[in-house]
N, C-alpha and C. Protein backbone atom coordinates (compact mmCIF):
# COMPACT_ATOMS: atom_id res chain seq x y z
N MET A 1 0.84 -1.18 0.00
CA MET A 1 0.00 0.00 0.00
C MET A 1 0.89 1.25 0.00
N THR A 2 0.56 2.21 -0.85
CA THR A 2 1.31 3.45 -0.97
C THR A 2 0.37 4.64 -0.99
N ILE A 3 0.62 5.60 -0.13
CA ILE A 3 -0.13 6.86 -0.19
C ILE A 3 0.56 7.74 -1.21
N GLN A 4 -0.20 8.27 -2.15
CA GLN A 4 0.39 9.03 -3.23
C GLN A 4 0.36 10.54 -3.03
N LYS A 5 -0.70 11.05 -2.39
CA LYS A 5 -0.85 12.49 -2.35
C LYS A 5 -1.88 12.85 -1.29
N LEU A 6 -1.74 14.02 -0.72
CA LEU A 6 -2.72 14.57 0.20
C LEU A 6 -3.32 15.80 -0.45
N SER A 7 -4.63 15.85 -0.57
CA SER A 7 -5.32 16.98 -1.19
C SER A 7 -6.52 17.37 -0.33
N PRO A 8 -6.35 18.30 0.59
CA PRO A 8 -7.48 18.68 1.44
C PRO A 8 -8.60 19.31 0.62
N ILE A 9 -9.82 19.05 1.06
CA ILE A 9 -11.00 19.69 0.47
C ILE A 9 -11.55 20.63 1.54
N LEU A 10 -11.55 21.91 1.25
CA LEU A 10 -11.97 22.93 2.21
C LEU A 10 -13.22 23.65 1.73
N TRP A 11 -14.01 24.11 2.65
CA TRP A 11 -15.20 24.88 2.31
C TRP A 11 -14.82 26.32 2.01
N THR A 12 -15.56 26.94 1.13
CA THR A 12 -15.40 28.35 0.82
C THR A 12 -16.78 28.97 0.63
N LYS A 13 -16.91 30.22 0.99
CA LYS A 13 -18.17 30.95 0.76
C LYS A 13 -18.24 31.46 -0.67
N ASN A 14 -17.07 31.76 -1.25
CA ASN A 14 -17.03 32.37 -2.56
C ASN A 14 -15.98 31.66 -3.41
N LEU A 15 -16.42 30.75 -4.24
CA LEU A 15 -15.51 29.94 -5.04
C LEU A 15 -14.72 30.79 -6.03
N GLU A 16 -15.36 31.74 -6.68
CA GLU A 16 -14.67 32.58 -7.67
C GLU A 16 -13.57 33.41 -7.01
N ALA A 17 -13.84 33.98 -5.83
CA ALA A 17 -12.83 34.77 -5.12
C ALA A 17 -11.66 33.88 -4.67
N THR A 18 -11.96 32.65 -4.29
CA THR A 18 -10.90 31.73 -3.87
C THR A 18 -10.02 31.35 -5.05
N ILE A 19 -10.62 31.04 -6.18
CA ILE A 19 -9.84 30.74 -7.39
C ILE A 19 -8.97 31.94 -7.75
N GLU A 20 -9.52 33.12 -7.70
CA GLU A 20 -8.77 34.35 -8.01
C GLU A 20 -7.59 34.53 -7.06
N PHE A 21 -7.81 34.34 -5.76
CA PHE A 21 -6.74 34.49 -4.77
C PHE A 21 -5.60 33.52 -5.06
N TYR A 22 -5.93 32.25 -5.20
CA TYR A 22 -4.89 31.24 -5.37
C TYR A 22 -4.16 31.35 -6.70
N THR A 23 -4.86 31.74 -7.76
CA THR A 23 -4.19 31.84 -9.06
C THR A 23 -3.42 33.15 -9.18
N THR A 24 -3.99 34.25 -8.74
CA THR A 24 -3.35 35.56 -8.91
C THR A 24 -2.27 35.83 -7.87
N ILE A 25 -2.57 35.59 -6.61
CA ILE A 25 -1.63 35.92 -5.52
C ILE A 25 -0.56 34.84 -5.35
N LEU A 26 -0.97 33.57 -5.39
CA LEU A 26 -0.05 32.48 -5.08
C LEU A 26 0.48 31.73 -6.29
N GLY A 27 -0.06 32.01 -7.47
CA GLY A 27 0.45 31.37 -8.69
C GLY A 27 -0.01 29.94 -8.89
N PHE A 28 -1.08 29.54 -8.23
CA PHE A 28 -1.63 28.20 -8.45
C PHE A 28 -2.34 28.16 -9.79
N SER A 29 -2.53 26.96 -10.30
CA SER A 29 -3.32 26.75 -11.52
C SER A 29 -4.63 26.11 -11.13
N SER A 30 -5.67 26.50 -11.83
CA SER A 30 -6.98 25.89 -11.61
C SER A 30 -7.06 24.66 -12.49
N GLN A 31 -7.02 23.47 -11.88
CA GLN A 31 -6.96 22.22 -12.61
C GLN A 31 -8.31 21.73 -13.11
N SER A 32 -9.33 21.90 -12.29
CA SER A 32 -10.66 21.47 -12.70
C SER A 32 -11.70 22.28 -11.95
N ASN A 33 -12.66 22.70 -12.68
CA ASN A 33 -13.75 23.46 -12.10
C ASN A 33 -15.06 22.80 -12.50
N PHE A 34 -15.83 22.47 -11.51
CA PHE A 34 -17.16 21.93 -11.70
C PHE A 34 -18.09 22.84 -10.92
N PRO A 35 -19.35 22.74 -11.12
CA PRO A 35 -20.25 23.55 -10.30
C PRO A 35 -19.96 23.33 -8.81
N ASN A 36 -19.71 24.40 -8.11
CA ASN A 36 -19.48 24.39 -6.66
C ASN A 36 -18.17 23.73 -6.23
N PHE A 37 -17.21 23.51 -7.14
CA PHE A 37 -15.97 22.81 -6.81
C PHE A 37 -14.82 23.32 -7.67
N ALA A 38 -13.63 23.44 -7.06
CA ALA A 38 -12.42 23.77 -7.82
C ALA A 38 -11.23 23.05 -7.22
N SER A 39 -10.32 22.62 -8.07
CA SER A 39 -9.07 22.01 -7.66
C SER A 39 -7.95 22.95 -8.11
N LEU A 40 -7.12 23.37 -7.15
CA LEU A 40 -6.05 24.33 -7.43
C LEU A 40 -4.72 23.67 -7.07
N SER A 41 -3.73 23.82 -7.96
CA SER A 41 -2.44 23.18 -7.69
C SER A 41 -1.28 24.04 -8.13
N LYS A 42 -0.16 23.76 -7.48
CA LYS A 42 1.12 24.37 -7.83
C LYS A 42 2.18 23.33 -7.47
N GLY A 43 2.93 22.89 -8.46
CA GLY A 43 3.88 21.81 -8.22
C GLY A 43 3.13 20.58 -7.75
N ASN A 44 3.56 20.00 -6.63
CA ASN A 44 2.91 18.82 -6.08
C ASN A 44 1.85 19.15 -5.04
N ALA A 45 1.61 20.42 -4.80
CA ALA A 45 0.60 20.82 -3.81
C ALA A 45 -0.75 21.00 -4.50
N GLU A 46 -1.78 20.42 -3.91
CA GLU A 46 -3.13 20.56 -4.43
C GLU A 46 -4.08 20.84 -3.27
N ILE A 47 -4.94 21.83 -3.44
CA ILE A 47 -5.98 22.14 -2.48
C ILE A 47 -7.28 22.23 -3.26
N MET A 48 -8.30 21.56 -2.75
CA MET A 48 -9.60 21.60 -3.40
C MET A 48 -10.56 22.43 -2.54
N PHE A 49 -11.45 23.13 -3.19
CA PHE A 49 -12.44 23.96 -2.50
C PHE A 49 -13.82 23.62 -3.01
N VAL A 50 -14.78 23.67 -2.09
CA VAL A 50 -16.16 23.35 -2.43
C VAL A 50 -17.09 24.31 -1.69
N LEU A 51 -18.17 24.66 -2.35
CA LEU A 51 -19.23 25.40 -1.69
C LEU A 51 -20.04 24.39 -0.88
N PRO A 52 -20.28 24.65 0.40
CA PRO A 52 -21.05 23.70 1.20
C PRO A 52 -22.45 23.50 0.62
N GLN A 53 -22.87 22.25 0.57
CA GLN A 53 -24.16 21.94 -0.01
C GLN A 53 -25.23 21.67 1.04
N GLU A 54 -24.81 21.42 2.28
CA GLU A 54 -25.76 21.15 3.35
C GLU A 54 -25.44 22.05 4.52
N GLU A 55 -26.46 22.29 5.34
CA GLU A 55 -26.25 23.09 6.54
C GLU A 55 -25.26 22.38 7.47
N PRO A 56 -24.28 23.10 7.99
CA PRO A 56 -23.38 22.47 8.96
C PRO A 56 -24.13 22.19 10.27
N ALA A 57 -23.69 21.19 11.00
CA ALA A 57 -24.34 20.81 12.25
C ALA A 57 -24.35 21.95 13.26
N ALA A 58 -23.34 22.85 13.19
CA ALA A 58 -23.24 23.95 14.13
C ALA A 58 -24.15 25.12 13.79
N CYS A 59 -24.90 25.03 12.70
CA CYS A 59 -25.79 26.11 12.30
C CYS A 59 -26.88 26.27 13.36
N LYS A 60 -27.03 27.49 13.89
CA LYS A 60 -27.98 27.72 14.97
C LYS A 60 -29.43 27.59 14.52
N ASP A 61 -29.73 28.07 13.34
CA ASP A 61 -31.10 28.01 12.83
C ASP A 61 -31.04 27.59 11.36
N PRO A 62 -31.43 26.36 11.04
CA PRO A 62 -31.33 25.89 9.66
C PRO A 62 -32.11 26.71 8.65
N ASN A 63 -33.06 27.51 9.13
CA ASN A 63 -33.84 28.35 8.21
C ASN A 63 -33.23 29.73 8.01
N ASP A 64 -32.18 30.05 8.76
CA ASP A 64 -31.54 31.36 8.69
C ASP A 64 -30.26 31.25 7.88
N LYS A 65 -30.31 31.58 6.59
CA LYS A 65 -29.15 31.43 5.72
C LYS A 65 -27.99 32.36 6.11
N ALA A 66 -28.27 33.43 6.85
CA ALA A 66 -27.19 34.32 7.31
C ALA A 66 -26.29 33.60 8.31
N MET A 67 -26.81 32.56 8.95
CA MET A 67 -26.02 31.81 9.92
C MET A 67 -25.26 30.65 9.27
N PHE A 68 -25.50 30.44 7.98
CA PHE A 68 -24.88 29.33 7.26
C PHE A 68 -23.39 29.59 7.06
N PHE A 69 -22.56 28.70 7.50
CA PHE A 69 -21.11 28.77 7.29
C PHE A 69 -20.57 30.18 7.53
N LEU A 70 -20.63 30.61 8.79
CA LEU A 70 -20.21 31.96 9.14
C LEU A 70 -18.74 32.22 8.81
N GLN A 71 -17.87 31.27 9.08
CA GLN A 71 -16.45 31.45 8.80
C GLN A 71 -15.77 30.10 8.64
N ALA A 72 -14.61 30.14 8.05
CA ALA A 72 -13.83 28.92 7.87
C ALA A 72 -13.37 28.39 9.22
N HIS A 73 -13.39 27.08 9.37
CA HIS A 73 -12.93 26.46 10.61
C HIS A 73 -11.84 25.45 10.27
N LEU A 74 -10.66 25.70 10.77
CA LEU A 74 -9.56 24.77 10.63
C LEU A 74 -8.73 24.96 11.89
N THR A 75 -8.55 23.93 12.67
CA THR A 75 -7.89 24.08 13.96
C THR A 75 -6.37 24.18 13.86
N GLY A 76 -5.85 24.03 12.68
CA GLY A 76 -4.42 24.13 12.46
C GLY A 76 -4.13 24.93 11.22
N SER A 77 -3.08 24.55 10.53
CA SER A 77 -2.72 25.25 9.30
C SER A 77 -2.33 24.22 8.25
N ILE A 78 -2.24 24.69 7.02
CA ILE A 78 -1.78 23.85 5.92
C ILE A 78 -0.34 24.25 5.64
N PHE A 79 0.58 23.29 5.74
CA PHE A 79 2.00 23.56 5.55
C PHE A 79 2.40 23.04 4.18
N ILE A 80 2.96 23.92 3.36
CA ILE A 80 3.41 23.56 2.02
C ILE A 80 4.94 23.64 1.99
N TYR A 81 5.58 22.49 1.83
CA TYR A 81 7.05 22.44 1.70
C TYR A 81 7.41 22.89 0.30
N MET A 82 8.48 23.67 0.20
CA MET A 82 8.86 24.19 -1.11
C MET A 82 10.34 24.55 -1.13
N GLN A 83 10.83 24.87 -2.31
CA GLN A 83 12.14 25.47 -2.50
C GLN A 83 11.89 26.87 -3.04
N GLY A 84 12.73 27.81 -2.67
CA GLY A 84 12.58 29.18 -3.13
C GLY A 84 11.57 29.97 -2.32
N VAL A 85 11.50 29.71 -1.02
CA VAL A 85 10.51 30.38 -0.17
C VAL A 85 10.71 31.90 -0.14
N ASP A 86 11.96 32.35 -0.25
CA ASP A 86 12.22 33.80 -0.24
C ASP A 86 11.62 34.49 -1.46
N GLU A 87 11.68 33.82 -2.60
CA GLU A 87 11.09 34.38 -3.82
C GLU A 87 9.57 34.50 -3.70
N LEU A 88 8.94 33.45 -3.16
CA LEU A 88 7.49 33.52 -2.96
C LEU A 88 7.14 34.61 -1.95
N TRP A 89 7.92 34.72 -0.89
CA TRP A 89 7.71 35.77 0.12
C TRP A 89 7.71 37.15 -0.53
N GLU A 90 8.69 37.41 -1.38
CA GLU A 90 8.75 38.71 -2.06
C GLU A 90 7.54 38.95 -2.95
N ASN A 91 7.01 37.89 -3.53
CA ASN A 91 5.85 38.01 -4.42
C ASN A 91 4.53 38.23 -3.69
N VAL A 92 4.42 37.72 -2.46
CA VAL A 92 3.11 37.78 -1.78
C VAL A 92 3.04 38.72 -0.59
N ARG A 93 4.16 39.18 -0.09
CA ARG A 93 4.14 39.93 1.18
C ARG A 93 3.33 41.22 1.14
N GLU A 94 3.16 41.80 -0.02
CA GLU A 94 2.36 43.02 -0.14
C GLU A 94 0.95 42.73 -0.65
N LYS A 95 0.65 41.46 -0.95
CA LYS A 95 -0.62 41.11 -1.58
C LYS A 95 -1.54 40.27 -0.70
N ALA A 96 -1.02 39.70 0.37
CA ALA A 96 -1.81 38.81 1.22
C ALA A 96 -1.70 39.25 2.67
N PHE A 97 -2.66 38.81 3.49
CA PHE A 97 -2.60 39.08 4.91
C PHE A 97 -1.53 38.18 5.52
N ILE A 98 -0.49 38.78 6.09
CA ILE A 98 0.64 38.03 6.65
C ILE A 98 0.32 37.69 8.11
N LYS A 99 0.38 36.41 8.41
CA LYS A 99 0.18 35.98 9.80
C LYS A 99 1.53 35.92 10.52
N SER A 100 2.55 35.37 9.87
CA SER A 100 3.89 35.40 10.43
C SER A 100 4.89 35.66 9.30
N SER A 101 5.81 36.57 9.56
CA SER A 101 6.81 36.96 8.57
C SER A 101 7.84 35.85 8.36
N ILE A 102 8.54 35.96 7.26
CA ILE A 102 9.55 34.94 6.94
C ILE A 102 10.67 35.00 7.97
N GLU A 103 11.10 33.80 8.37
CA GLU A 103 12.12 33.71 9.39
C GLU A 103 12.68 32.29 9.42
N ASP A 104 13.94 32.16 9.83
CA ASP A 104 14.53 30.85 10.08
C ASP A 104 14.02 30.38 11.44
N ARG A 105 13.45 29.19 11.49
CA ARG A 105 12.86 28.68 12.73
C ARG A 105 13.78 27.66 13.38
N GLU A 106 13.61 27.48 14.66
CA GLU A 106 14.45 26.53 15.39
C GLU A 106 14.21 25.09 14.96
N TYR A 107 13.11 24.82 14.30
CA TYR A 107 12.83 23.48 13.79
C TYR A 107 13.41 23.30 12.38
N LEU A 108 14.36 24.16 12.00
CA LEU A 108 15.16 24.07 10.79
C LEU A 108 14.36 24.22 9.50
N MET A 109 13.40 25.11 9.57
CA MET A 109 12.63 25.51 8.39
C MET A 109 12.69 27.03 8.30
N ARG A 110 12.73 27.52 7.08
CA ARG A 110 12.56 28.96 6.83
C ARG A 110 11.16 29.08 6.28
N ASP A 111 10.28 29.78 7.01
CA ASP A 111 8.89 29.80 6.59
C ASP A 111 8.19 31.11 6.93
N PHE A 112 7.01 31.24 6.35
CA PHE A 112 6.10 32.34 6.67
C PHE A 112 4.69 31.83 6.49
N SER A 113 3.73 32.55 7.06
CA SER A 113 2.35 32.12 6.89
C SER A 113 1.47 33.30 6.52
N ILE A 114 0.44 32.97 5.76
CA ILE A 114 -0.55 33.96 5.34
C ILE A 114 -1.94 33.42 5.68
N LEU A 115 -2.92 34.30 5.64
CA LEU A 115 -4.31 33.87 5.68
C LEU A 115 -4.85 34.05 4.27
N ASP A 116 -5.50 33.01 3.75
CA ASP A 116 -6.09 33.15 2.42
C ASP A 116 -7.39 33.94 2.52
N ASN A 117 -8.08 34.09 1.43
CA ASN A 117 -9.29 34.90 1.41
C ASN A 117 -10.42 34.30 2.25
N ASN A 118 -10.29 33.04 2.64
CA ASN A 118 -11.29 32.39 3.48
C ASN A 118 -10.94 32.45 4.96
N GLY A 119 -9.70 32.81 5.27
CA GLY A 119 -9.23 32.82 6.65
C GLY A 119 -8.42 31.59 7.01
N TYR A 120 -8.17 30.69 6.06
CA TYR A 120 -7.34 29.53 6.33
C TYR A 120 -5.87 29.97 6.37
N GLU A 121 -5.12 29.42 7.34
CA GLU A 121 -3.70 29.73 7.43
C GLU A 121 -2.91 28.77 6.54
N ILE A 122 -2.13 29.36 5.63
CA ILE A 122 -1.26 28.59 4.74
C ILE A 122 0.18 28.95 5.10
N VAL A 123 0.99 27.95 5.40
CA VAL A 123 2.40 28.15 5.74
C VAL A 123 3.24 27.63 4.59
N PHE A 124 4.19 28.43 4.14
CA PHE A 124 5.12 28.04 3.10
C PHE A 124 6.50 27.94 3.74
N GLY A 125 7.13 26.78 3.61
CA GLY A 125 8.40 26.58 4.28
C GLY A 125 9.42 25.83 3.46
N GLU A 126 10.68 26.16 3.72
CA GLU A 126 11.81 25.51 3.04
C GLU A 126 12.73 24.91 4.08
N ASP A 127 13.13 23.67 3.86
CA ASP A 127 14.05 22.97 4.75
C ASP A 127 15.42 23.64 4.70
N ILE A 128 15.92 24.06 5.86
CA ILE A 128 17.24 24.69 5.92
C ILE A 128 18.20 23.86 6.77
N SER A 129 17.88 22.59 7.00
CA SER A 129 18.72 21.75 7.86
C SER A 129 20.12 21.55 7.29
N ASN A 130 20.28 21.61 5.99
CA ASN A 130 21.59 21.45 5.38
C ASN A 130 22.43 22.71 5.44
N TYR A 131 21.81 23.83 5.85
CA TYR A 131 22.53 25.10 5.90
C TYR A 131 23.03 25.43 7.29
N LYS A 132 22.67 24.65 8.28
CA LYS A 132 23.02 24.96 9.67
C LYS A 132 24.19 24.15 10.13
């Protein structure tokens, strides 16, 4: 048995805005678009987005659409390993909401994190263990 790839599927309120953010700001390509669904990739990283089709269990009033999917919920972050993290940092630092600036970390990664248009935290990091 071999695991080939991890591709999270995340909810979004606005699929068009999400496609625009990932393609314009981060340089992802839109691989497939179906009604209410998009697959976005760059290199070996793939993230899929979908418009929720059913009321979430946490919805206070199923008849109140204003309460439907109030915000993105992810208890952690999505970490994307890459090479050339400084180049990406220069390309996005003025275009995205920065959660943490680029820095060499004690866990031997050089990384930074942003919030995407949905509020999901995306971390881009480069292994620097060979440089220390």
